[in-house]
C-alpha atoms as a PDB file:
ATOM      1  CA  UNK A   1      15.271  89.197 -27.995  1.00  0.00           C
ATOM      2  CA  UNK A   2      16.297  89.959 -31.562  1.00  0.00           C
ATOM      3  CA  UNK A   3      19.344  91.793 -32.854  1.00  0.00           C
ATOM      4  CA  UNK A   4      18.588  95.072 -34.610  1.00  0.00           C
ATOM      5  CA  UNK A   5      22.220  95.454 -35.676  1.00  0.00           C
ATOM      6  CA  UNK A   6      25.740  94.764 -34.511  1.00  0.00           C
ATOM      7  CA  UNK A   7      29.142  95.926 -35.587  1.00  0.00           C
ATOM      8  CA  UNK A   8      32.813  96.064 -34.739  1.00  0.00           C
ATOM      9  CA  UNK A   9      34.193  99.469 -33.897  1.00  0.00           C
ATOM     10  CA  UNK A  10      37.832  99.934 -34.812  1.00  0.00           C
ATOM     11  CA  UNK A  11      38.793  96.332 -34.085  1.00  0.00           C
ATOM     12  CA  UNK A  12      38.755  97.228 -30.401  1.00  0.00           C
ATOM     13  CA  UNK A  13      35.124  96.998 -29.378  1.00  0.00           C
ATOM     14  CA  UNK A  14      31.782  95.580 -30.426  1.00  0.00           C
ATOM     15  CA  UNK A  15      28.368  97.155 -30.185  1.00  0.00           C
ATOM     16  CA  UNK A  16      25.058  95.283 -30.413  1.00  0.00           C
ATOM     17  CA  UNK A  17      21.588  96.830 -30.357  1.00  0.00           C
ATOM     18  CA  UNK A  18      18.794  94.379 -29.557  1.00  0.00           C
ATOM     19  CA  UNK A  19      15.005  94.605 -29.412  1.00  0.00           C
ATOM     20  CA  UNK A  20      13.790  93.049 -26.168  1.00  0.00           C
ATOM     21  CA  UNK A  21      10.101  93.414 -26.984  1.00  0.00           C
ATOM     22  CA  UNK A  22       9.825  95.910 -24.129  1.00  0.00           C
ATOM     23  CA  UNK A  23      12.619  98.246 -25.191  1.00  0.00           C
ATOM     24  CA  UNK A  24      16.098  98.118 -26.626  1.00  0.00           C
ATOM     25  CA  UNK A  25      19.460  97.142 -25.213  1.00  0.00           C
ATOM     26  CA  UNK A  26      22.868  98.431 -26.177  1.00  0.00           C
ATOM     27  CA  UNK A  27      25.646  95.948 -25.421  1.00  0.00           C
ATOM     28  CA  UNK A  28      29.256  97.088 -25.695  1.00  0.00           C
ATOM     29  CA  UNK A  29      32.420  95.164 -25.054  1.00  0.00           C
ATOM     30  CA  UNK A  30      36.142  95.203 -25.684  1.00  0.00           C
ATOM     31  CA  UNK A  31      36.732  91.571 -26.739  1.00  0.00           C
ATOM     32  CA  UNK A  32      38.652  90.982 -23.508  1.00  0.00           C
ATOM     33  CA  UNK A  33      36.714  90.965 -20.256  1.00  0.00           C
ATOM     34  CA  UNK A  34      34.691  94.154 -20.246  1.00  0.00           C
ATOM     35  CA  UNK A  35      31.069  94.193 -21.362  1.00  0.00           C
ATOM     36  CA  UNK A  36      28.136  96.307 -20.311  1.00  0.00           C
ATOM     37  CA  UNK A  37      24.475  96.377 -21.223  1.00  0.00           C
ATOM     38  CA  UNK A  38      22.204  99.400 -21.050  1.00  0.00           C
ATOM     39  CA  UNK A  39      18.434  99.389 -21.612  1.00  0.00           C
ATOM     40  CA  UNK A  40      16.435 102.126 -23.315  1.00  0.00           C
ATOM     41  CA  UNK A  41      12.722 102.573 -23.904  1.00  0.00           C
ATOM     42  CA  UNK A  42      13.056 103.592 -27.558  1.00  0.00           C
ATOM     43  CA  UNK A  43      15.252 102.729 -30.501  1.00  0.00           C
ATOM     44  CA  UNK A  44      16.050 106.417 -31.008  1.00  0.00           C
ATOM     45  CA  UNK A  45      17.557 106.661 -27.509  1.00  0.00           C
ATOM     46  CA  UNK A  46      19.490 103.424 -28.006  1.00  0.00           C
ATOM     47  CA  UNK A  47      20.945 104.711 -31.280  1.00  0.00           C
ATOM     48  CA  UNK A  48      21.807 108.047 -29.696  1.00  0.00           C
ATOM     49  CA  UNK A  49      23.679 106.162 -26.969  1.00  0.00           C
ATOM     50  CA  UNK A  50      25.552 104.202 -29.657  1.00  0.00           C
ATOM     51  CA  UNK A  51      26.545 107.497 -31.286  1.00  0.00           C
ATOM     52  CA  UNK A  52      27.745 108.744 -27.888  1.00  0.00           C
ATOM     53  CA  UNK A  53      29.834 105.610 -27.322  1.00  0.00           C
ATOM     54  CA  UNK A  54      31.407 106.023 -30.762  1.00  0.00           C
ATOM     55  CA  UNK A  55      32.150 109.689 -30.035  1.00  0.00           C
ATOM     56  CA  UNK A  56      33.857 108.595 -26.823  1.00  0.00           C
ATOM     57  CA  UNK A  57      36.074 106.297 -28.900  1.00  0.00           C
ATOM     58  CA  UNK A  58      36.837 109.099 -31.353  1.00  0.00           C
ATOM     59  CA  UNK A  59      37.921 111.426 -28.573  1.00  0.00           C
ATOM     60  CA  UNK A  60      39.567 109.149 -26.000  1.00  0.00           C
ATOM     61  CA  UNK A  61      38.253 105.955 -24.391  1.00  0.00           C
ATOM     62  CA  UNK A  62      39.994 106.898 -21.157  1.00  0.00           C
ATOM     63  CA  UNK A  63      37.809 109.985 -20.727  1.00  0.00           C
ATOM     64  CA  UNK A  64      34.661 107.871 -20.626  1.00  0.00           C
ATOM     65  CA  UNK A  65      31.002 108.787 -20.870  1.00  0.00           C
ATOM     66  CA  UNK A  66      29.597 111.741 -18.967  1.00  0.00           C
ATOM     67  CA  UNK A  67      26.194 110.344 -18.013  1.00  0.00           C
ATOM     68  CA  UNK A  68      24.999 107.066 -16.571  1.00  0.00           C
ATOM     69  CA  UNK A  69      22.065 105.557 -18.541  1.00  0.00           C
ATOM     70  CA  UNK A  70      19.322 107.192 -16.440  1.00  0.00           C
ATOM     71  CA  UNK A  71      20.856 110.663 -16.790  1.00  0.00           C
ATOM     72  CA  UNK A  72      21.568 110.011 -20.440  1.00  0.00           C
ATOM     73  CA  UNK A  73      17.890 109.204 -21.081  1.00  0.00           C
ATOM     74  CA  UNK A  74      16.834 112.589 -19.700  1.00  0.00           C
ATOM     75  CA  UNK A  75      19.417 114.515 -21.732  1.00  0.00           C
ATOM     76  CA  UNK A  76      18.878 112.338 -24.805  1.00  0.00           C
ATOM     77  CA  UNK A  77      15.089 112.715 -24.782  1.00  0.00           C
ATOM     78  CA  UNK A  78      15.468 116.469 -24.434  1.00  0.00           C
ATOM     79  CA  UNK A  79      17.859 116.583 -27.391  1.00  0.00           C
ATOM     80  CA  UNK A  80      15.733 114.295 -29.578  1.00  0.00           C
ATOM     81  CA  UNK A  81      12.532 116.178 -28.791  1.00  0.00           C
ATOM     82  CA  UNK A  82      14.198 119.453 -29.739  1.00  0.00           C
ATOM     83  CA  UNK A  83      15.098 118.015 -33.145  1.00  0.00           C
ATOM     84  CA  UNK A  84      11.604 117.087 -34.336  1.00  0.00           C
ATOM     85  CA  UNK A  85       8.460 119.158 -34.794  1.00  0.00           C
END
């Protein structure tokens, strides 16, 4: 597994995108005890999920994400496909 990129978001969470060779993982954590890892088939979906996590932080962490990874992949693929010819 190799890191594609990683960054700190607002000194309250970290986000790491990694290439697994079979897809991409998005790892998020809060520097305390909470960490989760989600797997995506493409880098574009992984980056879209990162953007969604950041949007959640911009709005309110307590609200949380709407979709679990599987549901997100369906909605994300639909959105991405509608954006390219």
